[in-house]
Protein backbone atom coordinates (compact mmCIF):
# COMPACT_ATOMS: atom_id res chain seq x y z
CA MET A 1 127.82 100.52 86.78
CA ALA A 2 126.74 103.57 85.52
CA LYS A 3 124.72 105.96 87.78
CA LYS A 4 120.86 106.05 86.50
CA MET A 5 119.58 107.68 83.51
CA ALA A 6 117.71 110.79 84.66
CA SER A 7 115.16 110.01 82.91
CA GLN A 8 113.86 106.33 84.48
CA GLY A 9 114.01 108.01 87.63
CA THR A 10 111.64 105.93 89.66
CA PRO A 11 111.52 105.93 93.90
CA ALA A 12 113.95 102.57 94.16
CA THR A 13 116.15 104.63 91.45
CA ALA A 14 116.05 107.88 93.75
CA ALA A 15 116.51 104.86 96.88
CA LEU A 16 119.83 104.01 94.86
CA THR A 17 121.10 107.47 94.28
CA ALA A 18 120.39 108.90 97.60
CA ALA A 19 122.76 106.15 98.95
CA GLY A 20 125.43 106.02 96.48
CA VAL A 21 124.96 103.05 95.58
CA PRO A 22 126.15 101.85 91.59
CA PHE A 23 122.98 100.78 89.71
CA VAL A 24 122.57 100.22 85.47
CA VAL A 25 118.71 101.01 84.44
CA HIS A 26 117.34 98.38 82.27
CA PRO A 27 113.92 100.15 80.43
CA TYR A 28 112.33 97.31 78.29
CA ALA A 29 108.52 97.42 76.11
CA HIS A 30 106.57 95.76 78.95
CA ASP A 31 103.80 92.93 76.56
CA PRO A 32 100.66 93.72 78.39
CA SER A 33 99.46 89.84 77.65
CA ALA A 34 102.29 88.17 78.95
CA PRO A 35 102.08 85.60 81.55
CA SER A 36 105.76 86.35 83.86
CA TYR A 37 106.51 89.91 83.97
CA GLY A 38 110.13 88.07 85.42
CA LEU A 39 110.20 85.34 82.34
CA GLU A 40 109.90 88.47 80.19
CA ALA A 41 111.89 90.71 82.01
CA ALA A 42 115.12 88.20 81.34
CA GLU A 43 113.46 87.12 77.86
CA VAL A 44 114.36 90.55 76.48
CA LEU A 45 117.48 91.75 78.57
CA GLY A 46 119.25 88.80 77.31
CA ILE A 47 119.59 87.35 81.40
CA ASP A 48 119.62 84.61 82.97
CA PRO A 49 116.64 84.34 84.51
CA ALA A 50 118.57 83.13 87.75
CA ARG A 51 120.12 86.27 87.62
CA VAL A 52 116.05 87.93 87.41
CA PHE A 53 114.71 88.31 90.85
CA LYS A 54 110.92 88.58 91.19
CA THR A 55 109.13 91.33 94.37
CA LEU A 56 106.70 89.10 96.37
CA MET A 57 104.41 90.32 99.24
CA VAL A 58 103.40 88.07 101.68
CA GLU A 59 101.81 87.96 105.02
CA VAL A 60 103.79 86.81 107.83
CA GLU A 61 101.77 87.21 111.87
CA GLY A 62 99.58 89.69 110.36
CA ARG A 63 102.71 91.85 109.04
CA LEU A 64 103.93 92.51 106.02
CA ALA A 65 107.33 91.55 104.51
CA VAL A 66 108.91 90.95 101.18
CA GLY A 67 110.42 88.13 99.60
CA VAL A 68 112.98 88.27 96.75
CA VAL A 69 113.25 85.42 94.99
CA PRO A 70 113.78 84.39 91.34
CA VAL A 71 111.79 84.22 88.55
CA SER A 72 113.18 81.09 87.42
CA GLY A 73 111.32 79.10 90.15
CA SER A 74 108.54 80.50 92.95
CA LEU A 75 108.95 81.53 96.66
CA ASP A 76 108.84 78.90 99.89
CA LEU A 77 105.98 80.75 101.46
CA LYS A 78 107.10 78.61 105.23
CA ALA A 79 110.76 79.34 104.95
CA VAL A 80 110.56 82.65 104.58
CA ALA A 81 108.35 82.57 107.45
CA GLY A 82 111.38 80.49 108.66
CA ALA A 83 113.28 83.27 107.78
CA LEU A 84 111.26 85.85 109.93
CA GLY A 85 111.45 83.79 113.18
CA ALA A 86 107.51 83.11 112.05
CA LYS A 87 105.75 79.82 111.17
CA LYS A 88 103.39 80.15 108.55
CA ALA A 89 102.23 83.05 105.55
CA SER A 90 100.65 83.14 102.90
CA MET A 91 100.37 85.50 99.59
CA ALA A 92 98.62 89.18 100.86
CA ASP A 93 96.68 90.44 98.92
CA PRO A 94 97.79 93.08 96.30
CA LYS A 95 95.96 95.68 97.08
CA ALA A 96 97.59 96.30 100.69
CA ALA A 97 100.32 95.14 98.97
CA GLU A 98 100.12 98.25 96.46
CA ARG A 99 99.23 100.21 99.28
CA ARG A 100 102.17 99.30 101.38
CA THR A 101 104.42 99.81 98.32
CA GLY A 102 103.07 102.84 96.63
CA TYR A 103 104.47 100.47 93.39
CA VAL A 104 101.68 98.63 91.46
CA LEU A 105 101.85 95.18 90.65
CA GLY A 106 104.69 93.66 88.05
CA GLY A 107 106.12 96.95 88.96
CA ILE A 108 107.32 95.97 93.07
CA SER A 109 111.00 97.00 93.34
CA PRO A 110 112.61 95.81 97.31
CA LEU A 111 113.77 99.38 96.84
CA GLY A 112 111.89 102.70 97.25
CA GLN A 113 108.63 101.47 98.93
CA ARG A 114 106.11 103.41 100.37
CA GLN A 115 106.57 101.86 103.65
CA PRO A 116 109.62 99.44 104.62
CA SER A 117 108.51 96.41 105.24
CA PRO A 118 111.05 93.11 106.38
CA THR A 119 112.45 92.02 103.64
CA VAL A 120 113.99 87.72 102.70
CA LEU A 121 116.18 88.15 99.44
CA ASP A 122 117.03 84.31 98.46
CA GLU A 123 120.62 83.36 99.14
CA SER A 124 121.91 82.25 95.68
CA ALA A 125 121.31 86.41 94.48
CA LEU A 126 124.87 86.46 96.66
CA GLY A 127 126.19 84.09 94.14
CA PHE A 128 126.92 86.92 91.62
CA GLU A 129 128.33 90.01 91.03
CA THR A 130 124.39 91.97 90.46
CA ILE A 131 121.16 90.62 90.14
CA PHE A 132 118.46 92.72 88.33
CA VAL A 133 115.48 93.43 90.26
CA SER A 134 112.14 95.81 89.16
CA GLY A 135 112.94 99.22 89.06
CA GLY A 136 109.58 99.92 90.33
CA ARG A 137 106.90 99.92 87.07
CA ARG A 138 106.36 97.12 84.51
CA GLY A 139 109.43 97.42 81.63
CA LEU A 140 112.25 98.78 83.59
CA ASP A 141 114.29 96.49 85.85
CA ILE A 142 117.17 98.18 87.77
CA GLU A 143 121.36 95.84 88.24
CA VAL A 144 123.04 96.10 91.43
CA ALA A 145 125.19 94.52 93.36
CA PRO A 146 123.27 91.39 96.06
CA ALA A 147 125.53 93.25 98.95
CA ASP A 148 124.16 96.39 98.02
CA LEU A 149 120.52 95.35 97.76
CA VAL A 150 120.96 93.46 101.90
CA ARG A 151 122.30 96.90 102.97
CA LEU A 152 119.61 98.81 101.98
CA THR A 153 116.33 96.91 102.43
CA ARG A 154 118.01 95.70 105.60
CA ALA A 155 117.32 92.22 104.76
CA VAL A 156 118.31 88.83 105.64
CA THR A 157 119.38 86.33 103.01
CA ALA A 158 117.64 82.50 103.15
CA ALA A 159 117.24 80.08 100.90
CA ILE A 160 113.52 80.91 100.38
CA GLY A 161 113.17 80.40 96.43
CA SER A 162 112.73 76.79 95.20
CA ALA A 163 112.49 75.00 91.58
CA LYS A 164 108.81 75.72 89.46
CA ASP A 165 107.58 72.20 89.06
């Protein structure tokens, strides 16, 4: 994989570069009216939605945490809570998520967050050589090996995604 292009720099790409991790940036023209940023990325980039992962902030026992799941499904809140040793989780307040990460909704990356949070990556990611996650802004995805994402975010992996109805 190639390294980042300087013109695409974000805290996420800076974190990957600093760690010496290979990655590829995939910029695309974001449509603000798209109903799902992740599905939009998969479609525009011509990628299987199962390889494109969305970063969701949750609240678990009063603490913020991160769930990273395929855009083709949804986050199982009970499963993410269990993966973090808790009984239940809820979606985080959007403003709290933005303050914690330093990113805007639709562009939250699991990498390079202002204040890192406990992270759970859906175990389906491990079935791919590379996956796509937000690069830190709408219209920018990063392709990275799941093992590198786990290492850099100190994530645990668990079955936290569920198919959309």
